[in-house]
Each structure stands twice: as C-alpha cells, then as structure tokens.
Protein backbone atom coordinates (compact mmCIF):
# COMPACT_ATOMS: atom_id res chain seq x y z
CA MET A 1 32.21 15.96 29.20
CA SER A 2 30.90 13.62 31.85
CA THR A 3 33.60 12.34 34.24
CA CYS A 4 33.80 10.54 37.52
CA THR A 5 36.59 10.02 40.02
CA ILE A 6 37.76 6.58 41.11
CA ARG A 7 39.94 6.42 44.23
CA ASN A 8 42.29 3.55 44.92
CA SER A 9 43.71 2.54 48.23
CA SER A 10 46.37 5.22 47.88
CA ASN A 11 43.65 7.91 47.45
CA VAL A 12 45.05 8.89 44.06
CA GLY A 13 42.37 10.53 41.82
CA GLU A 14 41.95 9.07 38.35
CA GLU A 15 39.55 10.41 35.76
CA LEU A 16 37.42 8.03 33.68
CA ASP A 17 35.87 9.34 30.42
CA ARG A 18 32.55 7.52 30.25
CA ILE A 19 31.62 8.69 26.74
CA SER A 20 34.93 7.60 25.24
CA ASN A 21 34.68 4.19 26.89
CA LEU A 22 31.24 3.32 25.52
CA PRO A 23 31.24 0.11 23.44
CA GLU A 24 31.68 0.70 19.71
CA GLU A 25 28.37 -0.98 18.91
CA LEU A 26 26.49 1.31 21.31
CA ILE A 27 28.11 4.44 19.84
CA GLN A 28 27.04 3.35 16.38
CA ASN A 29 23.49 2.69 17.56
CA ILE A 30 23.34 6.20 19.01
CA LEU A 31 24.61 7.87 15.83
CA VAL A 32 22.29 6.07 13.42
CA ARG A 33 19.30 7.26 15.47
CA LEU A 34 20.19 10.94 15.09
CA PRO A 35 17.95 12.89 12.67
CA SER A 36 20.68 13.77 10.15
CA ILE A 37 24.27 13.13 9.20
CA ASP A 38 25.04 16.73 10.25
CA ALA A 39 23.94 15.90 13.79
CA ALA A 40 26.06 12.74 13.73
CA ALA A 41 29.11 14.67 12.53
CA ARG A 42 28.74 17.23 15.33
CA THR A 43 29.23 14.49 17.92
CA SER A 44 32.93 14.60 17.02
CA VAL A 45 33.36 17.34 19.63
CA LEU A 46 32.31 14.97 22.43
CA SER A 47 35.39 12.82 22.36
CA ARG A 48 38.49 12.15 20.29
CA ARG A 49 37.34 8.53 19.95
CA TRP A 50 34.02 9.70 18.46
CA ARG A 51 35.70 11.98 15.90
CA HIS A 52 35.53 9.62 12.92
CA PHE A 53 32.76 7.28 13.97
CA TRP A 54 30.15 8.98 11.77
CA THR A 55 32.29 8.39 8.68
CA LYS A 56 31.77 4.63 9.05
CA LEU A 57 28.04 4.55 9.77
CA PRO A 58 26.12 1.90 7.78
CA SER A 59 23.32 4.39 7.03
CA LEU A 60 23.52 7.98 5.73
CA SER A 61 20.61 10.37 5.20
CA PHE A 62 20.94 13.84 3.67
CA GLN A 63 18.51 16.76 3.41
CA TRP A 64 19.83 19.20 0.81
CA ASP A 65 20.14 22.78 2.04
CA PHE A 66 20.59 25.39 -0.70
CA GLU A 67 22.39 27.60 1.83
CA LYS A 68 25.09 24.93 2.29
CA PRO A 69 25.55 23.50 -1.20
CA GLY A 70 28.90 21.88 -0.43
CA ALA A 71 27.97 20.13 2.81
CA ILE A 72 26.81 16.86 1.23
CA ILE A 73 29.84 16.59 -1.06
CA ALA A 74 32.15 17.17 1.92
CA ALA A 75 30.41 14.50 3.97
CA LEU A 76 30.57 11.97 1.13
CA ALA A 77 34.27 12.72 0.62
CA ALA A 78 34.92 12.06 4.32
CA TYR A 79 33.05 8.74 4.36
CA SER A 80 35.58 5.98 4.93
CA ALA A 81 33.68 2.67 4.88
CA PRO A 82 33.85 0.75 1.56
CA THR A 83 30.07 0.24 1.39
CA LEU A 84 26.93 1.32 3.26
CA ASN A 85 23.59 -0.35 3.87
CA ARG A 86 21.39 2.69 3.24
CA LEU A 87 21.83 6.03 1.50
CA ALA A 88 19.02 8.58 1.26
CA PHE A 89 18.88 12.02 -0.37
CA SER A 90 15.92 14.39 -0.15
CA ALA A 91 15.27 17.95 -1.26
CA VAL A 92 12.31 20.31 -1.17
CA HIS A 93 13.94 23.02 -3.31
CA VAL A 94 14.61 22.97 -7.04
CA LEU A 95 17.92 21.29 -7.83
CA GLU A 96 20.42 21.54 -10.64
CA LEU A 97 21.27 18.22 -12.23
CA SER A 98 24.95 19.06 -11.77
CA THR A 99 24.36 19.18 -8.00
CA VAL A 100 22.86 15.70 -7.91
CA ALA A 101 25.32 14.01 -10.29
CA PRO A 102 28.20 13.48 -7.79
CA TRP A 103 25.73 12.11 -5.21
CA LEU A 104 24.58 9.48 -7.70
CA GLU A 105 28.15 8.65 -8.68
CA PHE A 106 28.94 7.98 -5.00
CA ALA A 107 25.80 5.86 -4.69
CA SER A 108 26.67 3.74 -7.71
CA ARG A 109 30.00 2.77 -6.11
CA ARG A 110 29.18 2.45 -2.41
CA VAL A 111 25.52 1.47 -1.85
CA ALA A 112 25.20 -2.22 -0.98
CA GLY A 113 21.66 -1.97 0.40
CA ASN A 114 18.93 0.65 -0.03
CA LEU A 115 19.14 3.83 -2.12
CA THR A 116 16.35 6.41 -1.70
CA LEU A 117 16.01 9.57 -3.79
CA ASN A 118 13.15 11.83 -2.70
CA PHE A 119 13.07 14.92 -4.88
CA SER A 120 9.48 16.07 -4.73
CA ALA A 121 10.41 19.31 -6.51
CA ALA A 122 11.38 18.96 -10.18
CA LEU A 123 14.94 19.31 -11.26
CA TYR A 124 15.69 22.74 -12.70
CA GLN A 125 14.00 23.31 -16.10
CA ARG A 126 12.62 19.76 -16.06
CA GLN A 127 16.01 18.15 -16.33
CA ARG A 128 15.71 14.37 -16.40
CA LEU A 129 17.48 12.47 -13.64
CA GLU A 130 19.31 9.47 -15.03
CA LEU A 131 19.73 6.72 -12.49
CA PRO A 132 23.23 5.22 -12.63
CA VAL A 133 23.82 1.49 -12.55
CA CYS A 134 24.11 0.40 -8.92
CA GLU A 135 25.38 -3.15 -9.09
CA LYS A 136 25.38 -3.71 -5.32
CA ALA A 137 22.10 -1.99 -4.40
CA THR A 138 19.40 -4.40 -3.18
CA SER A 139 16.50 -1.91 -3.12
CA ILE A 140 15.92 1.48 -4.76
CA ASN A 141 13.15 4.00 -4.00
CA LEU A 142 12.73 6.87 -6.49
CA HIS A 143 10.38 9.80 -5.82
CA VAL A 144 11.26 12.10 -8.73
CA LYS A 145 9.33 13.94 -11.44
CA HIS A 146 11.55 13.29 -14.45
CA LEU A 147 13.40 10.00 -14.61
CA ARG A 148 15.44 7.95 -17.01
CA LEU A 149 16.59 4.44 -16.25
CA PRO A 150 20.06 3.53 -17.59
CA PRO A 151 20.08 2.19 -21.17
CA ALA A 152 22.82 -0.34 -20.35
CA GLY A 153 24.37 -2.11 -17.39
CA SER A 154 23.03 -4.59 -14.84
CA PHE A 155 21.56 -4.27 -11.35
CA THR A 156 22.80 -7.69 -10.34
CA ALA A 157 21.78 -7.47 -6.65
CA LEU A 158 18.52 -5.49 -7.00
CA VAL A 159 15.54 -7.15 -5.30
CA ALA A 160 13.03 -4.27 -5.00
CA LEU A 161 12.42 -1.14 -7.10
CA THR A 162 9.82 1.57 -6.36
CA ILE A 163 9.10 4.52 -8.68
CA VAL A 164 6.60 7.19 -7.61
CA GLY A 165 5.34 10.23 -9.51
CA ALA A 166 7.83 10.09 -12.38
CA ARG A 167 7.58 10.90 -16.07
CA ILE A 168 9.37 8.08 -17.80
CA GLN A 169 9.90 6.55 -21.24
CA GLY A 170 8.05 3.31 -21.89
CA GLY A 171 11.19 1.69 -23.25
CA ASP A 172 13.02 2.34 -19.98
CA PHE A 173 11.18 -0.58 -18.38
CA GLU A 174 13.54 -2.85 -20.29
CA ALA A 175 16.04 -1.94 -17.57
CA VAL A 176 14.06 -3.97 -15.03
CA CYS A 177 13.74 -7.04 -17.27
CA GLN A 178 15.90 -10.10 -17.71
CA PRO A 179 18.84 -10.31 -17.83
CA ARG A 180 19.65 -6.85 -16.45
CA CYS A 181 17.85 -7.38 -13.12
CA PRO A 182 18.21 -11.12 -12.56
CA ARG A 183 17.10 -10.99 -8.88
CA LEU A 184 14.28 -8.42 -9.01
CA ARG A 185 11.29 -9.68 -7.00
CA ARG A 186 9.30 -6.50 -6.25
CA LEU A 187 8.44 -3.72 -8.71
CA ALA A 188 6.07 -0.86 -7.84
CA VAL A 189 5.37 2.01 -10.25
CA ARG A 190 2.76 4.41 -8.88
CA SER A 191 1.35 7.75 -10.09
CA ALA A 192 3.76 7.67 -13.02
CA THR A 193 3.25 8.94 -16.59
CA LEU A 194 4.82 7.88 -19.85
CA VAL A 195 6.45 10.73 -21.74
CA GLU A 196 4.84 9.38 -24.92
CA ALA A 197 1.92 6.95 -25.08
CA THR A 198 3.32 3.52 -25.89
CA ASP A 199 3.19 -0.17 -25.01
CA VAL A 200 5.16 -1.51 -22.04
CA SER A 201 6.65 -4.97 -21.70
CA VAL A 202 7.96 -6.46 -18.45
CA ARG A 203 9.63 -9.84 -18.71
CA SER A 204 11.26 -11.36 -15.67
CA ASN A 205 11.96 -14.86 -14.39
CA SER A 206 12.34 -13.57 -10.81
CA LEU A 207 9.48 -11.04 -10.40
CA GLU A 208 6.95 -12.01 -7.70
CA TRP A 209 5.26 -8.69 -6.82
CA LEU A 210 4.06 -6.02 -9.28
CA VAL A 211 2.15 -2.74 -8.79
CA PHE A 212 1.58 -0.80 -12.02
CA ILE A 213 -0.42 2.48 -11.87
CA VAL A 214 0.81 4.42 -14.90
CA GLN A 215 -0.78 6.91 -17.31
CA GLY A 216 -0.25 6.78 -21.06
CA VAL A 217 0.19 3.02 -21.48
CA GLY A 218 -1.47 1.45 -24.51
CA ARG A 219 -0.79 -2.20 -23.73
CA LEU A 220 0.89 -3.81 -20.74
CA GLU A 221 2.51 -7.18 -21.38
CA VAL A 222 3.86 -9.02 -18.34
CA ALA A 223 5.58 -12.39 -18.61
CA ALA A 224 6.64 -13.44 -15.12
CA PRO A 225 6.32 -17.15 -14.27
CA LYS A 226 6.81 -16.45 -10.51
CA LEU A 227 4.40 -13.50 -10.25
CA ARG A 228 2.03 -13.95 -7.28
CA TYR A 229 0.97 -10.39 -6.32
CA PHE A 230 -0.48 -7.98 -8.92
CA ARG A 231 -2.04 -4.50 -8.65
CA ALA A 232 -3.08 -2.46 -11.69
CA ALA A 233 -5.41 0.28 -12.90
CA ALA A 234 -7.25 -0.06 -16.20
CA LYS A 235 -8.91 2.61 -18.33
CA ALA A 236 -12.40 2.20 -19.68
CA ALA A 237 -12.67 1.53 -23.39
CA GLY A 238 -13.75 4.28 -25.77
CA ASP A 239 -12.58 7.57 -27.20
CA ASN A 240 -14.14 9.65 -24.42
CA VAL A 241 -11.71 8.49 -21.74
CA PRO A 242 -9.49 11.38 -20.59
CA GLN A 243 -5.82 10.82 -21.35
CA ALA A 244 -4.94 11.80 -17.78
CA GLU A 245 -6.92 8.89 -16.34
CA PRO A 246 -4.43 6.41 -14.86
CA GLY A 247 -4.31 2.90 -16.18
CA VAL A 248 -3.69 0.83 -19.27
CA SER A 249 -6.06 -0.01 -22.12
CA ASP A 250 -4.96 -3.60 -22.69
CA VAL A 251 -3.33 -6.01 -20.28
CA ASN A 252 -1.91 -9.47 -20.72
CA ILE A 253 -0.47 -11.14 -17.63
CA THR A 254 1.26 -14.47 -18.03
CA SER A 255 1.79 -16.22 -14.69
CA PRO A 256 0.69 -19.69 -13.62
CA VAL A 257 1.08 -18.97 -9.87
CA LEU A 258 -0.90 -15.73 -9.50
CA GLU A 259 -2.64 -15.63 -6.10
CA ASP A 260 -3.28 -12.01 -5.01
CA VAL A 261 -4.95 -9.49 -7.36
CA ALA A 262 -6.32 -5.96 -6.87
CA TRP A 263 -7.88 -4.18 -9.84
CA TYR A 264 -8.84 -0.52 -10.15
CA GLY A 265 -11.20 0.54 -12.92
CA GLU A 266 -13.10 -1.41 -15.54
CA PHE A 267 -12.33 -5.07 -16.12
CA ASP A 268 -13.05 -6.24 -19.65
CA PRO A 269 -12.15 -9.91 -20.29
CA ARG A 270 -11.73 -9.14 -24.00
CA ARG A 271 -8.92 -6.66 -23.30
CA HIS A 272 -7.61 -7.77 -19.92
CA ARG A 273 -6.28 -11.31 -19.88
CA PHE A 274 -4.61 -13.50 -17.28
CA THR A 275 -2.87 -16.18 -19.29
CA GLU A 276 -2.01 -19.46 -17.57
CA ALA A 277 -3.63 -18.38 -14.28
CA GLY A 278 -6.29 -20.65 -12.80
CA HIS A 279 -9.71 -19.57 -11.54
CA ARG A 280 -8.75 -19.58 -7.85
CA LEU A 281 -6.90 -16.89 -5.90
CA ARG A 282 -5.79 -16.49 -2.33
CA LYS A 283 -7.03 -12.86 -2.34
CA LEU A 284 -9.06 -10.72 -4.73
CA MET A 285 -9.73 -7.00 -4.20
CA VAL A 286 -12.56 -5.48 -6.26
CA MET A 287 -11.89 -1.75 -6.00
CA ASP A 288 -14.46 -0.36 -8.41
CA MET A 289 -18.00 -1.21 -9.50
CA THR A 290 -16.81 -1.84 -13.05
CA THR A 291 -14.24 -4.27 -11.68
CA ALA A 292 -16.91 -6.69 -10.41
CA ALA A 293 -16.71 -8.64 -13.66
CA LEU A 294 -13.31 -9.86 -12.49
CA MET A 295 -15.17 -12.22 -10.15
CA ARG A 296 -16.28 -14.18 -13.22
CA ARG A 297 -12.63 -14.72 -14.13
CA PHE A 298 -11.56 -15.64 -10.58
CA TYR A 299 -14.68 -17.17 -9.04
CA ILE A 300 -13.11 -19.03 -6.10
CA VAL A 301 -11.02 -17.01 -3.63
CA ASP A 302 -9.91 -17.46 -0.05
CA GLU A 303 -10.36 -13.76 0.78
CA LEU A 304 -12.60 -11.36 -1.15
CA VAL A 305 -12.56 -7.59 -0.59
CA LEU A 306 -15.41 -5.52 -2.04
CA SER A 307 -14.50 -1.84 -1.74
CA PHE A 308 -16.42 0.52 -4.01
CA GLY A 309 -19.10 3.17 -4.16
CA ILE A 310 -22.64 2.90 -5.47
CA SER A 311 -23.71 5.78 -7.71
CA PRO A 312 -26.73 7.76 -6.55
CA GLY A 313 -30.16 7.36 -8.08
CA ILE A 314 -32.24 4.40 -9.22
CA LYS A 315 -29.94 3.75 -12.18
CA GLY A 316 -26.90 3.69 -9.92
CA TYR A 317 -28.41 1.08 -7.60
CA LYS A 318 -29.61 -1.09 -10.48
CA THR A 319 -26.08 -0.99 -11.89
CA PHE A 320 -24.84 -2.24 -8.51
CA LEU A 321 -27.39 -5.08 -8.47
CA ASN A 322 -26.44 -6.18 -11.99
CA ALA A 323 -22.69 -5.93 -11.39
CA THR A 324 -22.90 -8.06 -8.23
CA SER A 325 -25.39 -10.64 -9.46
CA MET A 326 -22.55 -13.14 -9.08
CA ILE A 327 -20.13 -13.04 -6.12
CA ALA A 328 -16.97 -15.14 -6.06
CA LYS A 329 -17.12 -18.04 -3.63
CA CYS A 330 -14.97 -17.10 -0.65
CA GLU A 331 -14.11 -18.06 2.92
CA VAL A 332 -13.44 -14.50 4.10
CA LEU A 333 -15.56 -11.59 2.84
CA GLU A 334 -14.72 -7.95 3.58
CA VAL A 335 -17.33 -5.36 2.64
CA GLN A 336 -16.53 -1.65 2.48
CA VAL A 337 -19.26 -0.13 0.36
CA THR A 338 -20.06 3.57 0.09
CA THR A 339 -23.79 3.74 -0.54
CA ARG A 340 -24.26 7.53 -0.54
CA ARG A 341 -28.03 7.91 0.03
CA HIS A 342 -28.84 4.29 -0.73
CA ALA A 343 -29.82 2.05 2.18
CA PHE A 344 -26.64 0.41 3.44
CA PRO A 345 -28.46 -2.62 4.98
CA SER A 346 -30.15 -3.35 1.65
CA ALA A 347 -26.83 -3.28 -0.24
CA VAL A 348 -25.00 -5.55 2.20
CA LEU A 349 -27.89 -8.02 2.48
CA HIS A 350 -27.94 -8.23 -1.33
CA LEU A 351 -24.25 -9.17 -1.30
CA LEU A 352 -24.87 -11.81 1.38
CA ARG A 353 -27.69 -13.36 -0.67
CA LYS A 354 -25.22 -13.87 -3.50
CA SER A 355 -22.37 -15.13 -1.28
CA VAL A 356 -21.40 -18.78 -0.88
CA GLY A 357 -19.10 -20.43 1.65
CA VAL A 358 -18.35 -17.36 3.82
CA ALA A 359 -16.85 -18.40 7.16
CA LYS A 360 -15.71 -14.95 8.30
CA LEU A 361 -17.41 -11.66 7.49
CA LEU A 362 -15.85 -8.23 8.03
CA ILE A 363 -18.02 -5.14 7.48
CA ARG A 364 -16.92 -1.52 7.70
CA LEU A 365 -19.91 0.61 8.65
CA PRO A 366 -20.26 4.07 7.10
CA ARG A 367 -21.95 7.05 8.70
CA MET A 368 -25.56 6.30 7.79
CA GLY A 369 -27.54 9.29 9.00
CA ASN A 370 -31.30 9.54 8.56
CA LYS A 371 -31.58 10.64 4.92
CA SER A 372 -33.42 8.15 2.72
CA CYS A 373 -33.05 7.37 -0.94
CA MET A 374 -35.47 8.59 -3.62
CA GLU A 375 -38.89 6.99 -3.91
CA GLY A 376 -38.96 3.90 -6.08
CA CYS A 377 -35.28 2.96 -5.65
CA PRO A 378 -34.85 -0.82 -5.19
CA CYS A 379 -32.82 -0.16 -2.02
CA SER A 380 -35.92 1.17 -0.26
CA LEU A 381 -38.32 -1.63 -1.18
CA PRO A 382 -39.57 -3.73 1.78
CA ASP A 383 -38.14 -6.96 0.37
CA SER A 384 -34.66 -5.45 0.15
CA CYS A 385 -34.20 -6.02 3.91
CA ASN A 386 -35.85 -9.44 4.01
CA THR A 387 -33.46 -11.93 5.61
CA ASP A 388 -35.56 -15.09 5.09
CA LYS A 389 -33.67 -16.24 2.02
CA ILE A 390 -30.17 -15.45 3.28
CA GLN A 391 -28.40 -18.74 4.07
CA LEU A 392 -25.05 -18.29 5.79
CA ASP A 393 -24.49 -21.94 6.62
CA SER A 394 -20.69 -21.62 6.88
CA LEU A 395 -20.51 -18.34 8.81
CA GLU A 396 -18.61 -18.67 12.11
CA GLU A 397 -17.42 -15.14 12.88
CA VAL A 398 -18.44 -11.55 12.14
CA GLU A 399 -16.42 -8.40 12.74
CA ILE A 400 -18.09 -4.99 12.38
CA LEU A 401 -15.93 -1.85 12.32
CA GLY A 402 -16.99 1.78 12.65
CA PHE A 403 -19.96 1.37 15.02
CA ARG A 404 -20.97 4.74 16.50
CA GLY A 405 -24.28 3.88 18.08
CA GLU A 406 -26.40 5.34 15.25
CA PHE A 407 -29.96 4.04 15.04
CA ASN A 408 -29.54 2.71 11.47
CA GLN A 409 -26.30 0.96 12.45
CA MET A 410 -28.09 -0.87 15.26
CA LYS A 411 -30.93 -1.74 12.90
CA PHE A 412 -28.42 -3.23 10.47
CA ILE A 413 -26.75 -5.36 13.17
CA ASN A 414 -30.15 -6.74 14.20
CA LEU A 415 -30.94 -7.60 10.57
CA LEU A 416 -27.57 -9.31 10.19
CA LEU A 417 -28.10 -11.41 13.32
CA ASP A 418 -31.55 -12.42 12.04
CA CYS A 419 -29.98 -14.14 9.00
CA HIS A 420 -29.86 -17.93 9.00
CA ALA A 421 -26.37 -18.62 10.35
CA PRO A 422 -26.59 -21.87 12.35
CA ILE A 423 -22.92 -22.08 13.36
CA LEU A 424 -22.29 -18.36 14.01
CA LYS A 425 -20.78 -18.09 17.49
CA LYS A 426 -18.92 -14.78 17.68
CA VAL A 427 -19.72 -11.20 16.63
CA TYR A 428 -17.20 -8.43 17.37
CA VAL A 429 -18.52 -4.86 17.11
CA ARG A 430 -15.68 -2.32 17.16
CA ILE A 431 -16.24 1.26 18.30
CA PRO A 432 -13.77 3.88 16.94
CA LYS A 433 -11.50 5.59 19.44
CA ASP A 434 -12.91 9.02 18.61
CA VAL A 435 -16.29 7.97 20.03
CA LYS A 436 -15.87 9.21 23.60
CA SER A 437 -19.10 7.83 25.04
CA ILE A 438 -22.43 6.25 24.19
CA ASN A 439 -25.48 7.55 26.04
CA ARG A 440 -27.79 5.54 28.26
CA THR A 441 -30.50 5.11 25.62
CA LYS A 442 -28.03 3.68 23.12
CA ASN A 443 -26.54 1.45 25.79
CA LYS A 444 -29.99 -0.02 26.41
CA LYS A 445 -30.38 -0.76 22.70
CA ILE A 446 -26.97 -2.39 22.62
CA ARG A 447 -27.97 -4.53 25.58
CA SER A 448 -31.18 -5.51 23.79
CA ILE A 449 -29.15 -6.67 20.79
CA ILE A 450 -26.96 -8.84 23.03
CA ASP A 451 -29.88 -10.23 25.05
CA GLY A 452 -31.93 -10.85 21.92
CA HIS A 453 -29.37 -13.34 20.58
CA PRO A 454 -28.21 -15.43 23.56
CA GLU A 455 -26.88 -18.19 21.31
CA ILE A 456 -24.28 -15.78 19.86
CA ASP A 457 -21.45 -14.13 21.77
CA VAL A 458 -21.85 -10.47 20.76
CA GLU A 459 -19.08 -8.18 21.99
CA PHE A 460 -19.11 -4.38 21.73
CA LYS A 461 -15.64 -2.99 22.34
CA LEU A 462 -13.65 0.21 21.84
CA TRP A 463 -11.25 -0.26 18.93
CA SER A 464 -7.66 0.05 20.14
C-alpha cells in the first residue's frame, strides 16, 4: 500500500492512505478499464474501501472458464447495484444450456443497457439458446449458433438488436415486430440461417435501419414507414441456385422515406420491389455486377458506390458494358472495380462516359501489373481509352487511393486528367503507408504529371 507521512507543527507522524482516499468516480473509472471482472474483484485487497466497489460497477464482462464453472454465478450473486449499463458473456468452449440459463435470468432482471452474448462455439449437442425477455435492455448483441427468440413478452426499451451466425426459426422474427418492440430502430441479422425455408415478415412503426443477410428465406416482407437504411442479399432466380447461397428470393420493402440502400446479388425488379419509395436516394451501393439494374429503379442519388468485379474473358467484359450502360445520376461517385486481367483505365473511363452530374470522384486503384487481356476484348481496343467524348462538366474534386507508382497507374491518372473537366481544381493522390519509398524515375514521372496540368492542383501524399 502506498503511504506518505505528513508532519504537523508538533512533528507528530500521521499516515495518509492515498488509494483509499481516491474519489469514488476515479475508482470506478479505474475498475471499468480492467480486462475482466475477476481483475476488478481482486482489487479488493488494496483497500477496505475498495472491497465492494466492483459489485456496483455499471459494466460487467465475463469470459467463461470451464476450470472455474462457479465463478460467474458467484460474481453475479455478489453484484449489489439494482441495474447495470452493460453485461457481456463470452465463451470459446462448448457450454451446457444449464450453465447459461442463470446468466440469462440475471440479465433479464438487471440489464438496463447493452447485453452481449458471444458464444462462438455451439451449445452442447446443438441446444438452442432461448433469449429471455429483457424489458429494460436498450441494445442486444447475439453471436450464437442456435437461437430462439421468446414467443411472448415485450422488449419495451429495446432500440438495437444484432444477430450474427445463428440458426433461427422464421417465425421468431415476430418478436422484433410491433407491438413487442415498440422502440426498435436498428435490426441487423448477418450470416444467419433459417432452420426451415420459409417467408419472413418484419413490421415495425419504429424501425429505421435494417441489415438482412439470411439463408433459407423465400420471401422477405418489410413494412416500416420510418425505414431509411437498408442492406440485403438476394439470390438469383432459378432452380440451380445452391440453397447455401445467402439471400432471399423475393423482397418487398414498404417505406416512403428510404434513403440509403446497399444490395448484394442479383436485382430483379419483378421479384424485388420497393413500394412507396421514390426514385432518389441519398446513397446507393451497387455491390455486384448483377445489382447494376438497381440503378434503373433509383436513378438519382447523392452518393453512388460501384464496388464489384468484372468476370474474365470477352464475355465477362461485354456483360460489364451492358450492365453499366446506364449509370445513376450522382454528385459523388466512388469506383472500386476489380478488373482481373481487363484494362482498368478502359473500365473506369467507360463508367465516366455514362456518368452525369459528378462533382466528386473517388477511385480506388488496384494492383495493375503488366499482364494484358486476351486479344479482341473490348477493354483493349484503342477507342476504349479515348477521352474526347468524356464530359465531366460538374467535376470539382478527385481523390485517388492506392497509388503505388506503377506505370499503368500513372498512365491512368494522365488519361483521367485529359478528360474534359473545366472546373476541376483539386486532385488528391493517396499513397498507402506500406509503400516505403518511390524511386527517382517514378518521382520524375510524378513531377511530369503535376507540371503537365498546371491549371489543376495535383497533390501526391502518403495516406495517414
């Protein structure tokens, strides 16, 4: 124990216990930063005043140890505060459901904030974890393999629910609907699988944010008048689609205020419908070549992200040209295209020819190398890199990420700067941190790019 001696005018020694006299708020801040509740409990030996501090912490986190099966139960029994802001349980070993049950019972009564269950290993013999009703919990994160949501009861305070990697019944999603979750605003279900293929319905007057990446769903019906943010994966039509492929076959989203959409997989307007939504979005993310058709449904967006790969071969590139024959009108365009052996400059210049209204352009450069595409591919034709017909009348700023000084990367930047962009004033070229240096020859070529376009402020800078 740390002590010091204070002497008064009578030279009488008096010990002062610095640890015991720390402010209560500071002690609590120290304890909540310790890696585990075991470490917090061991601080009881430091001072009598510290002995019961850990039993009133607003946040508890437990890592189950099969060698000390009773430790968590003992800690929960000693906890003295009526509620806590965060409770987390995690385990890397197989668990018996009987071990977890008292933890969940404690959580249902005491959690008034976040509850996190991270059981990456399955419960013993695939036992299904049934989440209890937690009326005071505001957010719940579930990383479990076999899950059942409660068939009755209300989560009256729940605002956010995340489910990852679970096998779940389609009917269980009724638990997150009105009126059982009247305040739910965020729902994310990722890498999940339905126990039996079925339709899923989500109806909520409060839901604003939905991510739904689930296998085994026939039809997804969402009725959420406040829904603004939506992420989903769709399966391609046809009998040859593997059952394990994530996504839903049919989707109907009813929301008049939708503004941010990301779609993975094929978009088919006959099977995937956005009822009541307009044709304009704040942000649209096209995450697959077969998703490009979504730009015909939402053809005016503030920010457009094109992030997909082009299949190799002449057929693959022609598919790309056909899929992107129409690009949504946008103010900000982000391009992250994997071209494989196709010419990256040709692909990006094609997208720019089809773009309208772009004020800011962000391009993520791939490693290009020196390998060329097969003879006769449209990406290698001389006209594919012709910039004469590219009109970027609204372009003001360009940001290029992933520049490594490769010859083809420099060639692409020169082609881009040769496009007709009368009000372009700033080009940022970011160099990744793992690029330690650029040799003298490449530095000269960089300088020639800058000097060759004096009307544009071109900046090459290490990305921090």
